[in-house]
Amino acid sequence: MSMSKQPRPLAVALVHPIRSHSPEPVVTLRMGEMSDAANLSTEGPVMKLSPCALFLILGSSIVFGYDEKSMPDLIVPEQITAPSLEVNVTHRFYREPTAMFPDNFIAGANVKAGLRYAIWQGLEVRAEYVFIPKEFTIDAGYSMSFPRLFLRAQAYVQYYGAQSDVSTNWNYNALYRVNLQSTAILGRIYPVANVAFDGMSKKFGIGTGLDVMVWNNIDVIGEYYPALGKRDTLLYTGSSLVNCFLAGVGFTTLGHHFMINVSNSRDMTMRRLMRGTADNTLFYGFTIQRLFSF
């Protein structure tokens, strides 16, 4: 549900008038020198706006919460209201959670940044970039609902360019996937599955997930990627592969979806996660998604 029709009560509660000459001043934003609080000018009154109120006014088009149960790395069939734009960032820190503070924060992190746009209901496009190893993806997908099967399904095609694991060369190919999510079980349990075929490796892979709502907008989330046909690869030569997994908690508020998690892999794309990882060393991270409606 969009907040574009109801920003006033929230913003007014955080605006502190210095002087007022009319009961309904027309507020306009005045750009100026950066300070701890933003300034607003009107046709008479001068008002001081707290940073929180400024966020609410500038974000008046924010969707209040998400209509879908998103996951950090898996893709769920689109259920956001079109047209909408989502901006997302995922961090996966390099150091394990047991590392000494602040080393566990300043040692660096792998980052995935992306945009997602719902063109119309059911049809969406995405673009994402992963910094290590360097990889970009351009995706398009269409989702449909099957009420009699208690299921939503999405057909997805992804074009990607990825830097080789053993050189600076880039490889380009496509990933084909089907994304599935059931309707709520007992009103709060949402299973997810992604099945993919990588055009470069000529291999199938699967990722499964579970979202359990524990309290209002607070959820426990998990992902699991069985490494099918485990064997040594160029990336993990001399080591047996283990399955990738992720566990965490997520919550939504004011058009934001926050997820904090731990995983045994620093990879963040389906194509890499379905290959497995070297061992069960844990890394922690977070995902932030922000949704705008138009």
Protein backbone atom coordinates (compact mmCIF):
# COMPACT_ATOMS: atom_id res chain seq x y z
CA MET A 1 0.00 0.00 0.00
CA SER A 2 1.51 3.33 -1.04
CA MET A 3 1.97 6.12 1.47
CA SER A 4 1.81 8.81 -1.20
CA LYS A 5 -1.66 9.87 -0.01
CA GLN A 6 -0.80 9.92 3.70
CA PRO A 7 2.63 11.52 4.27
CA ARG A 8 1.29 14.61 6.04
CA PRO A 9 0.42 13.29 9.53
CA LEU A 10 3.82 11.58 9.91
CA ALA A 11 5.83 14.54 8.70
CA VAL A 12 3.90 17.20 10.62
CA ALA A 13 4.52 15.37 13.89
CA LEU A 14 8.27 15.89 13.42
CA VAL A 15 8.25 19.46 12.09
CA HIS A 16 8.88 22.20 14.67
CA PRO A 17 7.60 25.67 13.63
CA ILE A 18 9.72 28.65 14.63
CA ARG A 19 7.00 31.07 13.72
CA SER A 20 3.71 30.74 11.90
CA HIS A 21 1.43 33.22 10.16
CA SER A 22 -1.07 30.83 8.60
CA PRO A 23 -2.65 27.59 9.74
CA GLU A 24 -1.86 25.78 6.48
CA PRO A 25 1.56 26.94 5.22
CA VAL A 26 2.73 25.70 1.83
CA VAL A 27 6.11 24.06 2.46
CA THR A 28 8.83 24.08 -0.18
CA LEU A 29 12.29 22.62 0.12
CA ARG A 30 15.14 25.15 0.11
CA MET A 31 18.55 23.81 -0.81
CA GLY A 32 21.39 25.28 1.22
CA GLU A 33 24.39 24.55 3.34
CA MET A 34 24.50 21.13 4.92
CA SER A 35 23.68 21.12 8.64
CA ASP A 36 22.37 18.82 11.32
CA ALA A 37 18.80 19.68 10.36
CA ALA A 38 17.29 20.57 7.01
CA ASN A 39 15.71 24.00 6.46
CA LEU A 40 12.35 24.62 4.89
CA SER A 41 11.06 27.95 3.58
CA THR A 42 7.42 28.94 3.18
CA GLU A 43 5.56 32.03 2.12
CA GLY A 44 5.69 33.27 5.71
CA PRO A 45 6.80 30.80 8.32
CA VAL A 46 10.29 29.37 8.59
CA MET A 47 10.34 25.77 9.79
CA LYS A 48 13.07 23.43 10.98
CA LEU A 49 12.75 19.83 9.82
CA SER A 50 14.30 16.91 11.66
CA PRO A 51 16.27 14.38 9.55
CA CYS A 52 13.59 11.77 10.17
CA ALA A 53 10.85 14.06 8.90
CA LEU A 54 12.93 14.95 5.85
CA PHE A 55 13.23 11.22 5.08
CA LEU A 56 9.46 10.81 5.32
CA ILE A 57 8.73 13.77 3.06
CA LEU A 58 11.28 12.89 0.40
CA GLY A 59 10.16 9.27 0.54
CA SER A 60 6.44 9.99 0.34
CA SER A 61 6.18 7.58 -2.59
CA ILE A 62 7.57 4.68 -0.55
CA VAL A 63 5.47 1.56 -0.44
CA PHE A 64 4.55 0.71 3.15
CA GLY A 65 6.04 -2.75 3.51
CA TYR A 66 6.34 -5.50 0.92
CA ASP A 67 3.59 -7.68 -0.46
CA GLU A 68 6.04 -10.51 -1.07
CA LYS A 69 8.42 -12.57 1.03
CA SER A 70 11.81 -11.73 -0.44
CA MET A 71 15.00 -13.72 0.17
CA PRO A 72 18.66 -12.58 0.23
CA ASP A 73 19.86 -14.65 -2.76
CA LEU A 74 16.88 -16.67 -4.02
CA ILE A 75 14.29 -14.99 -6.25
CA VAL A 76 10.60 -15.20 -5.41
CA PRO A 77 7.87 -14.75 -8.05
CA GLU A 78 7.03 -11.06 -8.26
CA GLN A 79 4.15 -9.86 -6.09
CA ILE A 80 4.96 -6.16 -5.76
CA THR A 81 2.48 -3.70 -7.24
CA ALA A 82 3.50 -2.34 -10.63
CA PRO A 83 4.92 0.05 -11.55
CA SER A 84 7.51 -0.13 -8.75
CA LEU A 85 11.27 0.18 -8.42
CA GLU A 86 13.38 -1.73 -5.91
CA VAL A 87 16.95 -0.78 -4.98
CA ASN A 88 18.90 -3.48 -3.13
CA VAL A 89 22.35 -3.93 -1.64
CA THR A 90 23.82 -7.12 -0.14
CA HIS A 91 27.04 -7.32 1.93
CA ARG A 92 28.84 -10.54 2.85
CA PHE A 93 31.78 -9.85 5.15
CA TYR A 94 35.11 -11.61 4.58
CA ARG A 95 35.84 -12.40 8.21
CA GLU A 96 33.96 -14.99 10.24
CA PRO A 97 31.69 -13.80 13.11
CA THR A 98 34.21 -15.02 15.73
CA ALA A 99 36.89 -12.61 14.49
CA MET A 100 37.91 -9.86 16.88
CA PHE A 101 36.11 -6.53 16.60
CA PRO A 102 36.74 -4.35 14.58
CA ASP A 103 38.65 -6.74 12.29
CA ASN A 104 35.43 -8.55 11.45
CA PHE A 105 34.04 -5.29 10.02
CA ILE A 106 37.03 -3.54 8.46
CA ALA A 107 38.47 -6.60 6.70
CA GLY A 108 36.13 -5.90 3.79
CA ALA A 109 33.06 -7.47 2.23
CA ASN A 110 31.76 -8.78 -1.03
CA VAL A 111 28.98 -6.54 -2.33
CA LYS A 112 26.06 -7.07 -4.66
CA ALA A 113 24.10 -4.01 -5.83
CA GLY A 114 20.97 -4.19 -7.92
CA LEU A 115 17.89 -2.57 -9.39
CA ARG A 116 14.57 -4.27 -10.00
CA TYR A 117 11.65 -2.75 -11.88
CA ALA A 118 8.10 -4.12 -12.06
CA ILE A 119 6.89 -2.95 -15.48
CA TRP A 120 3.37 -4.25 -15.04
CA GLN A 121 1.82 -6.89 -12.88
CA GLY A 122 3.78 -10.12 -13.31
CA LEU A 123 6.52 -8.71 -15.57
CA GLU A 124 9.80 -7.46 -14.15
CA VAL A 125 13.39 -6.74 -15.16
CA ARG A 126 16.55 -6.72 -13.00
CA ALA A 127 20.14 -5.59 -13.23
CA GLU A 128 22.77 -6.57 -10.65
CA TYR A 129 26.51 -6.28 -10.19
CA VAL A 130 28.73 -8.37 -7.90
CA PHE A 131 32.15 -6.95 -7.10
CA ILE A 132 34.13 -10.13 -6.24
CA PRO A 133 34.42 -12.08 -8.48
CA LYS A 134 33.20 -9.42 -10.91
CA GLU A 135 29.89 -10.35 -12.45
CA PHE A 136 26.93 -8.48 -13.92
CA THR A 137 23.47 -9.81 -14.71
CA ILE A 138 20.52 -8.53 -16.74
CA ASP A 139 17.31 -10.45 -16.11
CA ALA A 140 13.71 -10.56 -17.24
CA GLY A 141 10.93 -12.66 -15.75
CA TYR A 142 7.20 -13.20 -15.83
CA SER A 143 5.21 -14.65 -12.93
CA MET A 144 1.78 -16.20 -12.69
CA SER A 145 -0.41 -17.40 -9.86
CA PHE A 146 -2.01 -20.86 -9.72
CA PRO A 147 -4.55 -20.69 -6.87
CA ARG A 148 -5.72 -24.29 -7.24
CA LEU A 149 -2.13 -25.47 -6.80
CA PHE A 150 -1.48 -22.98 -3.97
CA LEU A 151 1.52 -21.82 -5.98
CA ARG A 152 3.13 -18.84 -7.72
CA ALA A 153 5.61 -19.54 -10.53
CA GLN A 154 8.00 -17.37 -12.49
CA ALA A 155 9.94 -18.06 -15.70
CA TYR A 156 13.26 -16.20 -15.71
CA VAL A 157 16.03 -15.59 -18.24
CA GLN A 158 19.33 -14.07 -17.13
CA TYR A 159 22.15 -12.83 -19.33
CA TYR A 160 25.42 -12.54 -17.44
CA GLY A 161 29.03 -11.59 -17.85
CA ALA A 162 31.45 -13.03 -15.29
CA GLN A 163 35.16 -12.78 -14.76
CA SER A 164 36.90 -16.13 -14.84
CA ASP A 165 37.85 -17.76 -11.53
CA VAL A 166 41.43 -18.31 -12.71
CA SER A 167 42.13 -15.32 -14.97
CA THR A 168 40.98 -11.80 -15.83
CA ASN A 169 39.07 -13.02 -18.89
CA TRP A 170 35.32 -12.48 -19.03
CA ASN A 171 32.77 -15.11 -20.02
CA TYR A 172 29.26 -14.37 -21.23
CA ASN A 173 26.29 -16.70 -21.28
CA ALA A 174 22.74 -17.19 -20.00
CA LEU A 175 21.09 -18.73 -16.95
CA TYR A 176 17.56 -20.10 -17.29
CA ARG A 177 15.52 -20.56 -14.15
CA VAL A 178 12.08 -21.29 -12.78
CA ASN A 179 11.22 -19.67 -9.45
CA LEU A 180 8.47 -21.15 -7.27
CA GLN A 181 6.80 -20.09 -4.03
CA SER A 182 3.79 -21.61 -2.32
CA THR A 183 0.99 -19.62 -0.78
CA ALA A 184 1.20 -19.25 2.99
CA ILE A 185 1.05 -22.50 4.95
CA LEU A 186 -0.79 -21.99 8.24
CA GLY A 187 -0.80 -18.31 7.37
CA ARG A 188 2.92 -17.80 8.03
CA ILE A 189 5.19 -20.38 6.31
CA TYR A 190 6.42 -19.68 2.75
CA PRO A 191 8.55 -22.36 0.99
CA VAL A 192 10.61 -21.21 -2.01
CA ALA A 193 12.48 -23.10 -4.74
CA ASN A 194 14.63 -21.95 -7.68
CA VAL A 195 15.63 -24.41 -10.41
CA ALA A 196 18.29 -23.19 -12.84
CA PHE A 197 20.32 -24.29 -15.86
CA ASP A 198 23.65 -22.59 -16.51
CA GLY A 199 24.43 -22.25 -20.20
CA MET A 200 28.17 -22.03 -19.57
CA SER A 201 28.69 -25.03 -17.30
CA LYS A 202 25.80 -26.98 -18.92
CA LYS A 203 24.62 -27.97 -15.44
CA PHE A 204 21.36 -27.82 -13.52
CA GLY A 205 21.19 -26.49 -9.99
CA ILE A 206 18.59 -25.96 -7.31
CA GLY A 207 18.14 -23.59 -4.42
CA THR A 208 15.50 -24.00 -1.72
CA GLY A 209 14.35 -21.56 0.91
CA LEU A 210 11.92 -21.07 3.77
CA ASP A 211 10.42 -17.91 5.23
CA VAL A 212 8.57 -18.21 8.54
CA MET A 213 6.75 -15.18 9.91
CA VAL A 214 7.25 -15.17 13.67
CA TRP A 215 5.79 -11.80 14.63
CA ASN A 216 4.01 -9.23 12.43
CA ASN A 217 6.73 -8.09 9.97
CA ILE A 218 9.54 -10.15 11.53
CA ASP A 219 10.57 -13.36 9.74
CA VAL A 220 13.10 -16.15 10.13
CA ILE A 221 14.63 -17.02 6.75
CA GLY A 222 16.80 -19.81 5.40
CA GLU A 223 18.32 -20.88 2.08
CA TYR A 224 19.95 -24.16 1.03
CA TYR A 225 21.80 -25.02 -2.19
CA PRO A 226 22.72 -28.69 -2.65
CA ALA A 227 25.84 -28.95 -4.81
CA LEU A 228 24.65 -31.47 -7.39
CA GLY A 229 27.33 -33.79 -8.77
CA LYS A 230 29.99 -32.71 -6.26
CA ARG A 231 33.51 -32.80 -7.61
CA ASP A 232 36.69 -30.73 -7.60
CA THR A 233 36.45 -27.54 -9.64
CA LEU A 234 38.94 -24.94 -10.81
CA LEU A 235 37.76 -22.75 -7.96
CA TYR A 236 38.24 -25.34 -5.21
CA THR A 237 40.92 -27.63 -6.60
CA GLY A 238 41.88 -30.32 -4.14
CA SER A 239 38.93 -29.83 -1.82
CA SER A 240 35.60 -31.60 -1.69
CA LEU A 241 32.61 -29.32 -2.09
CA VAL A 242 29.97 -28.79 0.57
CA ASN A 243 26.45 -27.48 0.17
CA CYS A 244 25.84 -23.76 0.57
CA PHE A 245 23.39 -22.53 3.20
CA LEU A 246 22.18 -19.29 4.75
CA ALA A 247 20.14 -18.49 7.87
CA GLY A 248 18.95 -15.19 9.23
CA VAL A 249 16.15 -12.88 10.23
CA GLY A 250 14.31 -10.24 8.23
CA PHE A 251 11.89 -7.44 8.93
CA THR A 252 10.02 -4.83 6.89
CA THR A 253 9.19 -1.23 7.68
CA LEU A 254 8.39 1.91 5.68
CA GLY A 255 9.19 0.38 2.30
CA HIS A 256 12.43 -1.19 3.51
CA HIS A 257 13.19 -4.87 3.84
CA PHE A 258 16.17 -5.64 6.11
CA MET A 259 17.77 -9.08 6.33
CA ILE A 260 20.67 -10.06 8.60
CA ASN A 261 22.20 -13.48 8.03
CA VAL A 262 25.10 -15.91 8.29
CA SER A 263 26.24 -18.15 5.44
CA ASN A 264 29.04 -20.57 4.63
CA SER A 265 29.62 -18.86 1.27
CA ARG A 266 30.60 -15.35 0.25
CA ASP A 267 28.99 -15.87 -3.18
CA MET A 268 25.67 -14.16 -3.78
CA THR A 269 24.33 -15.38 -7.11
CA MET A 270 22.38 -18.54 -7.88
CA ARG A 271 24.88 -19.53 -10.58
CA ARG A 272 27.76 -19.65 -8.09
CA LEU A 273 25.89 -20.87 -5.02
CA MET A 274 24.59 -23.96 -6.80
CA ARG A 275 28.23 -25.06 -7.39
CA GLY A 276 28.86 -25.46 -3.67
CA THR A 277 31.59 -24.01 -1.47
CA ALA A 278 34.90 -25.16 0.02
CA ASP A 279 33.93 -25.65 3.69
CA ASN A 280 31.52 -24.58 6.41
CA THR A 281 33.35 -21.47 7.59
CA LEU A 282 30.65 -18.93 8.43
CA PHE A 283 30.43 -15.38 7.12
CA TYR A 284 27.82 -12.89 8.15
CA GLY A 285 26.16 -10.19 6.14
CA PHE A 286 23.04 -8.21 5.46
CA THR A 287 20.65 -7.24 2.68
CA ILE A 288 18.72 -3.98 2.39
CA GLN A 289 15.91 -3.61 -0.13
CA ARG A 290 13.97 -0.38 -0.65
CA LEU A 291 10.82 -0.22 -2.70
CA PHE A 292 9.33 2.82 -4.46
CA SER A 293 5.89 2.97 -6.07
CA PHE A 294 4.83 5.38 -8.79
